[in-house]
Every structure is written in C-alpha cells, then in structure tokens.
Amino acid sequence: MDTVPDPQAGDGDVVIDIVATGICGSDIHGFTGENGRRVPGQVMGHETVGRIAALGSGTNEYGLSAGALVTVNPVIGCGHCADCLAGQNQNCPDKVVIGVATSFSSAFAQQMAVPAANVVVLPESMPAEYGALVEPLAVGYHALRRGRCGPSDHVLIIGGGPIGQACVLAAQRLDAAAVVVSEPDPHRRDVVEALGAVAVDPGAVDEAGLPAMVADALTGRPSIVVDAVGIGATMATAFACAPLGATVVLVGMGAPQISLAAYEISTKERSVVGSFCYDPEEFRQTAKWVGTAPAVLAHLIDERVSMAEAQSSFAALANGQSKASKILVFPNVAEGPVTVERR
C-alpha cells in the first residue's frame, strides 16, 4: 500500500468514493509482472463500484448527482473516430483503459477520478457490491454476442473461472438452448452448476473422450465454443470439441501467444472470433441487468477483503493457494471484517 495525492475532479470528470473493486485475472498478471500490461507502481483496478463524491465542471449533461451509486465503464475512446461515432469505443485505436493505462490512478484506491461519460448510475435497490460485477459480466456478454449466440445454440465454455462464469450468464441472457462448461477445479464446477449450467470434468476422460462427454452433456455437438482460458491447450480442446462450421470465440487471455492448428480452421470451415471487452451499450445493458439483482449473482463472490488484506489475497491468487473465483477489495475498509452495504 502507498499514500498518493487525492484525485481531483477536472473538467468533465467525477471523483468516486470506491465501495468495492474486484480482483481480475489481468490484475494478477500485473501483480506478477508476467505479461507486461501493467507496470510497477501504478494503481490498478477496473471492476468497480462506488458513490459519486464530487463533480467537475461540464458534467451537468450526464444527469449525475453526489452520493449516487455508480459503476464505471473503463474503456475510454477518443470520441471522434469512426469507431467511437459508431458506438464501438472498444475498437478505438486511441482508446485508454482504466486499470491498464499508467496515466490513470485506478480503482484499488479509496477514490478515483474518471470521465463522467463513462459513469453508469445503478439503482439504490440493489446490493452495492454487485456493481463491481458489471465489468466482467459485460466481457462475457460481449463474447457471446461476438459468437452470435441465440436460442438455437448449444454452447461449450472452456474454463469455469470468472470470465467463464460471466459467459454462462451471458449465454443464458441470450436464451441459448444448452450451456456446458469444461472445468477441472471442483469448486469452480460447483459455482458453474449453481449458475444453472452443466459442468464436466475434463480430467475424468482422456483427450479423445472429451468431445463425446461434452456432446452427451449438451445433447448434441456445440455450435459455439468459448475459450475463456486462452492458452494453446484450451484452443486445441476447442477445436477437438467443435464440429465442422462451428464458431470458436477466444476471450481468455492466458497467454499472449499461442500456436493454432491451421487446418483445424480452414479445412473444417470454422470461424475463430476474438473478443476483448464490450461496447458502451453492452456495458449499459449489463449494468441494467445487474441492477435487477438476480439471485444468481450471489454465487459469483467468494471473498470480501479490506485494504489491509488485499496484499495477501493477491499473493494467494498468484501462487495458486486460493481457488476463489472473485475476491472483492473494499478500499475504504482499512481492516477486516468487511461489512457489506445493504439497502
């Protein structure tokens, strides 16, 4: 932990008192330094919820008020390129991502200053902590929309971690006919089944037997396969389970480079689709859904820790001692236990 200057609400900005921020897998990569997308000394954190503490000039048009419960879309586009004007800020070549960009002091802090345009108001009727789930849930929603998921689809999700769980809920929101998750960890399989999907253990069969086990669980071959891990082995599993003509969505970021079997794409006419974050409308739609406080969201939060406990939580996730799917850090709680805000 460190002490840094309090953020100020510049023109078009608001300052937010952070209620809770989720630890993302990419934050763990930053903690370990393994992929170079974070640098030592920066304040990370992008899965967050808080209350507006101050509004800068030029924010009247956004209808925000002090004390409002809000979440933040961390993707900041330039606002004037063709992609931004088309509502596809995530494709802006000059985008900045809160929690990734070193220019932002982000959400693992007591306060954060962000553009008012990226603030989304949440209803007071929901548990405040659920606002920290909006961002990862929007990632899953975008991934399934990238795969063009619909009512006729049978979906296989490889990996039952936080993004895999988000993909389960996204497939359900899009009325998929069936959803199966391949996940070796028993705790994560339990979470996936609590969400309403079928979980299979890839370690229960040899590699050749997994496609048949998946097809049996889905009562048919998958039309969409989502790799929520993103390493060579899981992409190989995706190709092994996907029939000819299927769509494979790569949303996991487990490795910056992987090798692909080219003939598995070309000769079997599969579509491999990349998915990174979400567009602004998908983020707002997900925030609106979370605002209804679906009971299933209670299964997504494993632990709640104070600022003093955050270091241990990061270390436990990084070295594999913790199997928690989602840990929320409450930066304005100096020491535990954390008392959850209820309305």
Protein backbone atom coordinates (compact mmCIF):
# COMPACT_ATOMS: atom_id res chain seq x y z
CA MET A 1 0.00 0.00 0.00
CA ASP A 2 1.05 3.57 -0.58
CA THR A 3 -0.26 7.08 0.02
CA VAL A 4 -0.88 9.15 -3.11
CA PRO A 5 -2.49 12.56 -3.66
CA ASP A 6 -6.28 12.70 -3.60
CA PRO A 7 -7.74 12.74 -7.13
CA GLN A 8 -9.34 15.95 -8.35
CA ALA A 9 -12.46 16.33 -10.50
CA GLY A 10 -11.19 18.02 -13.63
CA ASP A 11 -13.35 19.36 -16.43
CA GLY A 12 -15.80 16.61 -17.41
CA ASP A 13 -14.70 14.33 -14.56
CA VAL A 14 -16.21 12.98 -11.37
CA VAL A 15 -14.49 11.69 -8.25
CA ILE A 16 -15.83 8.42 -6.89
CA ASP A 17 -15.55 7.03 -3.36
CA ILE A 18 -14.81 3.37 -4.09
CA VAL A 19 -17.07 0.83 -2.39
CA ALA A 20 -15.54 -2.34 -3.85
CA THR A 21 -13.20 -3.42 -6.64
CA GLY A 22 -12.88 -6.97 -7.95
CA ILE A 23 -9.55 -8.66 -8.49
CA CYS A 24 -9.35 -9.62 -12.17
CA GLY A 25 -7.05 -12.22 -13.66
CA SER A 26 -5.34 -9.41 -15.57
CA ASP A 27 -4.65 -7.69 -12.23
CA ILE A 28 -2.90 -10.87 -11.08
CA HIS A 29 -0.82 -10.77 -14.27
CA GLY A 30 0.10 -7.22 -13.33
CA PHE A 31 0.92 -8.29 -9.78
CA THR A 32 3.29 -11.00 -11.05
CA GLY A 33 4.57 -8.92 -13.98
CA GLU A 34 4.15 -11.87 -16.33
CA ASN A 35 2.63 -10.16 -19.37
CA GLY A 36 3.93 -6.60 -19.30
CA ARG A 37 0.48 -4.95 -19.49
CA ARG A 38 0.94 -3.32 -16.06
CA VAL A 39 3.99 -1.59 -14.59
CA PRO A 40 5.26 -1.47 -11.01
CA GLY A 41 3.87 1.46 -9.06
CA GLN A 42 0.67 2.01 -10.99
CA VAL A 43 -2.69 1.78 -9.20
CA MET A 44 -4.67 -0.98 -10.90
CA GLY A 45 -8.35 -1.91 -10.68
CA HIS A 46 -11.18 -1.69 -13.21
CA GLU A 47 -14.05 -3.88 -11.90
CA THR A 48 -15.52 -1.35 -9.54
CA VAL A 49 -18.50 0.27 -7.84
CA GLY A 50 -18.68 3.40 -5.74
CA ARG A 51 -20.51 6.60 -4.90
CA ILE A 52 -20.01 9.98 -6.52
CA ALA A 53 -18.05 12.24 -4.16
CA ALA A 54 -17.51 15.29 -6.38
CA LEU A 55 -18.44 16.53 -9.85
CA GLY A 56 -16.21 18.68 -12.01
CA SER A 57 -17.35 21.37 -14.39
CA GLY A 58 -19.01 20.29 -17.61
CA THR A 59 -20.76 17.26 -16.12
CA ASN A 60 -24.33 18.60 -15.94
CA GLU A 61 -25.38 16.90 -19.18
CA TYR A 62 -24.85 13.44 -17.68
CA GLY A 63 -27.54 13.69 -15.02
CA LEU A 64 -25.22 12.69 -12.18
CA SER A 65 -25.51 13.70 -8.55
CA ALA A 66 -23.36 13.44 -5.45
CA GLY A 67 -23.93 10.25 -3.49
CA ALA A 68 -25.27 8.25 -6.44
CA LEU A 69 -24.30 4.58 -6.63
CA VAL A 70 -22.33 4.05 -9.84
CA THR A 71 -20.11 1.72 -11.78
CA VAL A 72 -17.55 2.74 -14.40
CA ASN A 73 -17.01 1.60 -17.97
CA PRO A 74 -13.20 1.55 -18.01
CA VAL A 75 -12.88 1.82 -21.82
CA ILE A 76 -12.33 5.45 -22.82
CA GLY A 77 -12.44 6.11 -26.55
CA CYS A 78 -11.25 9.25 -28.29
CA GLY A 79 -14.88 10.19 -29.02
CA HIS A 80 -14.40 11.34 -32.59
CA CYS A 81 -13.02 8.44 -34.68
CA ALA A 82 -15.30 6.32 -36.88
CA ASP A 83 -15.46 3.51 -34.30
CA CYS A 84 -16.38 5.82 -31.41
CA LEU A 85 -19.03 7.56 -33.52
CA ALA A 86 -20.45 4.13 -34.34
CA GLY A 87 -20.66 3.22 -30.64
CA GLN A 88 -17.73 0.81 -30.85
CA ASN A 89 -15.37 2.54 -28.42
CA GLN A 90 -13.62 -0.75 -27.70
CA ASN A 91 -12.21 -0.65 -31.24
CA CYS A 92 -10.92 2.93 -31.00
CA PRO A 93 -7.23 2.89 -31.99
CA ASP A 94 -6.52 5.55 -29.37
CA LYS A 95 -8.59 4.09 -26.53
CA VAL A 96 -7.39 4.20 -22.95
CA VAL A 97 -8.44 1.52 -20.45
CA ILE A 98 -8.75 2.45 -16.79
CA GLY A 99 -6.75 0.00 -14.72
CA VAL A 100 -4.41 -0.76 -17.62
CA ALA A 101 -3.18 2.70 -18.64
CA THR A 102 -0.48 4.09 -16.37
CA SER A 103 -1.98 7.56 -16.82
CA PHE A 104 -4.89 6.63 -14.54
CA SER A 105 -4.78 6.11 -10.82
CA SER A 106 -7.44 3.44 -10.79
CA ALA A 107 -9.85 1.57 -8.56
CA PHE A 108 -7.72 -0.24 -5.96
CA ALA A 109 -7.82 3.02 -4.04
CA GLN A 110 -10.16 4.92 -1.76
CA GLN A 111 -11.03 7.37 -4.53
CA MET A 112 -10.77 7.54 -8.31
CA ALA A 113 -11.38 10.33 -10.84
CA VAL A 114 -12.98 9.25 -14.14
CA PRO A 115 -14.74 10.86 -17.11
CA ALA A 116 -18.42 11.47 -16.36
CA ALA A 117 -19.27 9.98 -19.76
CA ASN A 118 -18.04 6.58 -18.52
CA VAL A 119 -20.10 6.57 -15.32
CA VAL A 120 -23.25 4.44 -15.20
CA VAL A 121 -25.76 5.02 -12.40
CA LEU A 122 -27.07 1.96 -10.56
CA PRO A 123 -30.34 1.58 -8.62
CA GLU A 124 -30.24 2.01 -4.86
CA SER A 125 -32.37 -1.12 -4.50
CA MET A 126 -29.52 -3.48 -5.44
CA PRO A 127 -26.70 -4.70 -3.18
CA ALA A 128 -23.99 -2.12 -3.80
CA GLU A 129 -21.22 -4.71 -4.19
CA TYR A 130 -22.92 -6.21 -7.26
CA GLY A 131 -21.83 -3.11 -9.16
CA ALA A 132 -18.27 -4.48 -9.15
CA LEU A 133 -19.53 -7.45 -11.20
CA VAL A 134 -20.83 -5.38 -14.11
CA GLU A 135 -17.49 -5.12 -15.93
CA PRO A 136 -16.59 -8.84 -16.04
CA LEU A 137 -20.21 -9.75 -16.82
CA ALA A 138 -20.10 -7.32 -19.75
CA VAL A 139 -16.97 -9.10 -21.02
CA GLY A 140 -18.88 -12.37 -21.09
CA TYR A 141 -21.91 -10.77 -22.72
CA HIS A 142 -19.80 -9.27 -25.50
CA ALA A 143 -18.06 -12.63 -26.09
CA LEU A 144 -21.36 -14.46 -26.60
CA ARG A 145 -22.68 -11.69 -28.81
CA ARG A 146 -19.47 -11.91 -30.85
CA GLY A 147 -20.30 -15.60 -31.28
CA ARG A 148 -23.84 -14.63 -32.37
CA CYS A 149 -25.37 -16.75 -29.62
CA GLY A 150 -29.12 -17.28 -29.88
CA PRO A 151 -31.92 -19.65 -28.84
CA SER A 152 -30.84 -22.48 -31.14
CA ASP A 153 -27.25 -22.62 -29.90
CA HIS A 154 -25.59 -25.29 -27.80
CA VAL A 155 -22.65 -23.60 -26.08
CA LEU A 156 -19.47 -25.14 -24.69
CA ILE A 157 -17.40 -22.87 -22.44
CA ILE A 158 -13.85 -23.96 -21.69
CA GLY A 159 -12.85 -22.67 -18.27
CA GLY A 160 -15.11 -22.03 -15.30
CA GLY A 161 -13.27 -19.07 -13.81
CA PRO A 162 -14.76 -15.58 -13.52
CA ILE A 163 -14.92 -14.96 -17.27
CA GLY A 164 -16.23 -18.45 -17.95
CA GLN A 165 -18.90 -17.82 -15.33
CA ALA A 166 -19.73 -14.50 -16.99
CA CYS A 167 -20.07 -16.34 -20.31
CA VAL A 168 -22.51 -18.80 -18.72
CA LEU A 169 -24.77 -15.98 -17.59
CA ALA A 170 -24.42 -14.25 -20.96
CA ALA A 171 -25.46 -17.38 -22.84
CA GLN A 172 -28.48 -17.64 -20.56
CA ARG A 173 -29.35 -13.98 -21.14
CA LEU A 174 -29.24 -14.70 -24.88
CA ASP A 175 -31.52 -17.76 -24.45
CA ALA A 176 -29.01 -20.43 -25.51
CA ALA A 177 -30.58 -23.87 -25.72
CA ALA A 178 -27.90 -25.52 -23.54
CA VAL A 179 -24.67 -24.50 -21.79
CA VAL A 180 -21.87 -26.82 -20.68
CA VAL A 181 -18.61 -25.78 -19.00
CA SER A 182 -15.41 -27.82 -19.03
CA GLU A 183 -13.53 -27.07 -15.80
CA PRO A 184 -11.03 -29.23 -13.85
CA ASP A 185 -11.39 -27.44 -10.49
CA PRO A 186 -14.23 -28.88 -8.35
CA HIS A 187 -15.01 -25.57 -6.60
CA ARG A 188 -15.44 -23.79 -9.91
CA ARG A 189 -17.58 -26.64 -11.22
CA ASP A 190 -19.83 -26.18 -8.20
CA VAL A 191 -20.14 -22.46 -8.95
CA VAL A 192 -20.93 -23.12 -12.61
CA GLU A 193 -23.68 -25.57 -11.67
CA ALA A 194 -25.09 -23.09 -9.16
CA LEU A 195 -25.37 -20.69 -12.09
CA GLY A 196 -27.52 -23.20 -13.95
CA ALA A 197 -25.04 -24.71 -16.41
CA VAL A 198 -23.81 -28.30 -16.65
CA ALA A 199 -20.19 -28.73 -15.55
CA VAL A 200 -17.94 -31.52 -16.82
CA ASP A 201 -14.51 -32.52 -15.55
CA PRO A 202 -12.05 -32.81 -18.46
CA GLY A 203 -9.78 -34.87 -16.22
CA ALA A 204 -12.42 -37.60 -15.94
CA VAL A 205 -11.72 -38.80 -19.50
CA ASP A 206 -8.76 -38.87 -21.85
CA GLU A 207 -8.42 -36.22 -24.52
CA ALA A 208 -10.17 -38.36 -27.11
CA GLY A 209 -13.15 -38.91 -24.83
CA LEU A 210 -13.86 -35.26 -24.01
CA PRO A 211 -15.79 -34.41 -27.22
CA ALA A 212 -18.19 -37.32 -26.58
CA MET A 213 -18.67 -36.30 -22.94
CA VAL A 214 -19.40 -32.72 -24.00
CA ALA A 215 -21.82 -33.82 -26.72
CA ASP A 216 -23.63 -36.05 -24.24
CA ALA A 217 -23.95 -33.21 -21.72
CA LEU A 218 -25.18 -30.82 -24.41
CA THR A 219 -27.38 -33.49 -26.08
CA GLY A 220 -25.62 -32.52 -29.30
CA ARG A 221 -22.38 -31.07 -30.63
CA PRO A 222 -21.69 -27.44 -29.66
CA SER A 223 -22.45 -24.78 -32.25
CA ILE A 224 -20.39 -22.24 -30.28
CA VAL A 225 -17.24 -22.94 -28.26
CA VAL A 226 -15.90 -20.20 -26.00
CA ASP A 227 -12.31 -20.42 -24.80
CA ALA A 228 -12.34 -18.50 -21.53
CA VAL A 229 -8.78 -19.56 -20.68
CA GLY A 230 -6.77 -18.64 -23.75
CA ILE A 231 -3.78 -20.97 -23.92
CA GLY A 232 -2.68 -23.41 -26.60
CA ALA A 233 -4.09 -26.45 -24.83
CA THR A 234 -7.56 -24.97 -24.39
CA MET A 235 -7.73 -23.84 -28.02
CA ALA A 236 -6.79 -27.38 -29.03
CA THR A 237 -9.65 -28.61 -26.84
CA ALA A 238 -11.99 -26.13 -28.52
CA PHE A 239 -11.12 -27.50 -31.95
CA ALA A 240 -11.44 -31.09 -30.73
CA CYS A 241 -14.98 -30.45 -29.47
CA ALA A 242 -16.24 -28.11 -32.20
CA PRO A 243 -17.95 -29.66 -35.22
CA LEU A 244 -17.37 -28.51 -38.78
CA GLY A 245 -18.57 -24.97 -39.38
CA ALA A 246 -18.72 -24.07 -35.68
CA THR A 247 -17.68 -20.74 -34.18
CA VAL A 248 -14.85 -20.59 -31.64
CA VAL A 249 -14.70 -17.42 -29.54
CA LEU A 250 -11.36 -16.61 -27.92
CA VAL A 251 -11.92 -14.37 -24.89
CA GLY A 252 -9.42 -15.84 -22.41
CA MET A 253 -6.04 -14.14 -22.19
CA GLY A 254 -3.96 -16.84 -20.53
CA ALA A 255 -1.02 -16.38 -22.91
CA PRO A 256 0.00 -13.56 -25.25
CA GLN A 257 0.98 -16.06 -27.97
CA ILE A 258 -0.40 -19.49 -28.81
CA SER A 259 0.02 -21.93 -31.69
CA LEU A 260 -3.04 -22.86 -33.73
CA ALA A 261 -3.62 -25.88 -35.95
CA ALA A 262 -4.34 -24.03 -39.20
CA TYR A 263 -6.10 -26.96 -40.89
CA GLU A 264 -8.50 -27.19 -37.96
CA ILE A 265 -9.74 -23.77 -39.08
CA SER A 266 -9.51 -23.91 -42.86
CA THR A 267 -10.46 -27.46 -43.81
CA LYS A 268 -13.30 -27.58 -41.28
CA GLU A 269 -14.52 -24.07 -42.12
CA ARG A 270 -14.62 -22.90 -38.54
CA SER A 271 -14.78 -19.26 -37.55
CA VAL A 272 -12.34 -18.09 -34.87
CA VAL A 273 -13.55 -14.83 -33.33
CA GLY A 274 -11.63 -12.60 -30.96
CA SER A 275 -13.36 -10.88 -28.06
CA PHE A 276 -11.74 -8.43 -25.65
CA CYS A 277 -14.13 -6.17 -23.79
CA TYR A 278 -17.53 -4.66 -24.82
CA ASP A 279 -19.16 -1.68 -26.45
CA PRO A 280 -20.81 1.05 -24.35
CA GLU A 281 -24.33 -0.21 -24.99
CA GLU A 282 -23.45 -3.75 -23.91
CA PHE A 283 -21.96 -2.32 -20.72
CA ARG A 284 -25.13 -0.31 -20.03
CA GLN A 285 -27.36 -3.30 -20.78
CA THR A 286 -25.34 -5.44 -18.39
CA ALA A 287 -25.48 -2.76 -15.69
CA LYS A 288 -29.26 -2.61 -16.11
CA TRP A 289 -29.50 -6.40 -15.75
CA VAL A 290 -27.25 -6.42 -12.67
CA GLY A 291 -29.40 -3.62 -11.26
CA THR A 292 -32.32 -6.05 -11.07
CA ALA A 293 -30.18 -8.00 -8.55
CA PRO A 294 -30.64 -11.51 -9.99
CA ALA A 295 -30.28 -14.01 -7.15
CA VAL A 296 -27.69 -15.94 -9.15
CA LEU A 297 -25.13 -13.14 -8.69
CA ALA A 298 -24.64 -14.11 -5.05
CA HIS A 299 -22.73 -17.20 -6.27
CA LEU A 300 -20.06 -15.11 -8.01
CA ILE A 301 -18.45 -13.51 -4.93
CA ASP A 302 -16.20 -15.81 -2.92
CA GLU A 303 -14.45 -13.38 -0.56
CA ARG A 304 -14.60 -9.77 0.61
CA VAL A 305 -11.39 -8.27 1.98
CA SER A 306 -10.23 -4.98 3.45
CA MET A 307 -7.39 -2.88 2.09
CA ALA A 308 -5.02 -4.43 4.63
CA GLU A 309 -5.94 -7.94 3.48
CA ALA A 310 -5.65 -7.25 -0.25
CA GLN A 311 -1.92 -7.99 -0.46
CA SER A 312 -2.45 -11.49 0.94
CA SER A 313 -5.35 -12.11 -1.44
CA PHE A 314 -3.30 -11.08 -4.47
CA ALA A 315 -0.43 -13.31 -3.36
CA ALA A 316 -2.70 -16.30 -2.70
CA LEU A 317 -4.31 -15.99 -6.14
CA ALA A 318 -0.93 -15.56 -7.83
CA ASN A 319 0.68 -18.63 -6.26
CA GLY A 320 -2.37 -20.84 -6.61
CA GLN A 321 -3.11 -21.16 -2.89
CA SER A 322 -6.52 -19.54 -3.37
CA LYS A 323 -9.15 -21.10 -5.63
CA ALA A 324 -11.52 -18.16 -5.21
CA SER A 325 -13.24 -17.08 -8.39
CA LYS A 326 -13.94 -13.49 -7.37
CA ILE A 327 -12.49 -11.56 -4.46
CA LEU A 328 -13.74 -8.04 -3.82
CA VAL A 329 -11.45 -5.49 -2.18
CA PHE A 330 -13.14 -2.77 -0.11
CA PRO A 331 -10.52 0.03 -0.15
CA ASN A 332 -12.34 2.24 2.33
CA VAL A 333 -12.35 -0.56 4.91
CA ALA A 334 -8.90 -0.29 6.47
CA GLU A 335 -9.03 -3.66 8.25
CA GLY A 336 -11.48 -6.57 8.27
CA PRO A 337 -14.09 -7.78 8.68
CA VAL A 338 -15.93 -6.18 5.77
CA THR A 339 -19.49 -5.09 6.41
CA VAL A 340 -21.47 -5.31 3.16
CA GLU A 341 -23.64 -2.32 2.33
CA ARG A 342 -27.31 -3.30 2.06
CA ARG A 343 -30.31 -1.23 1.14
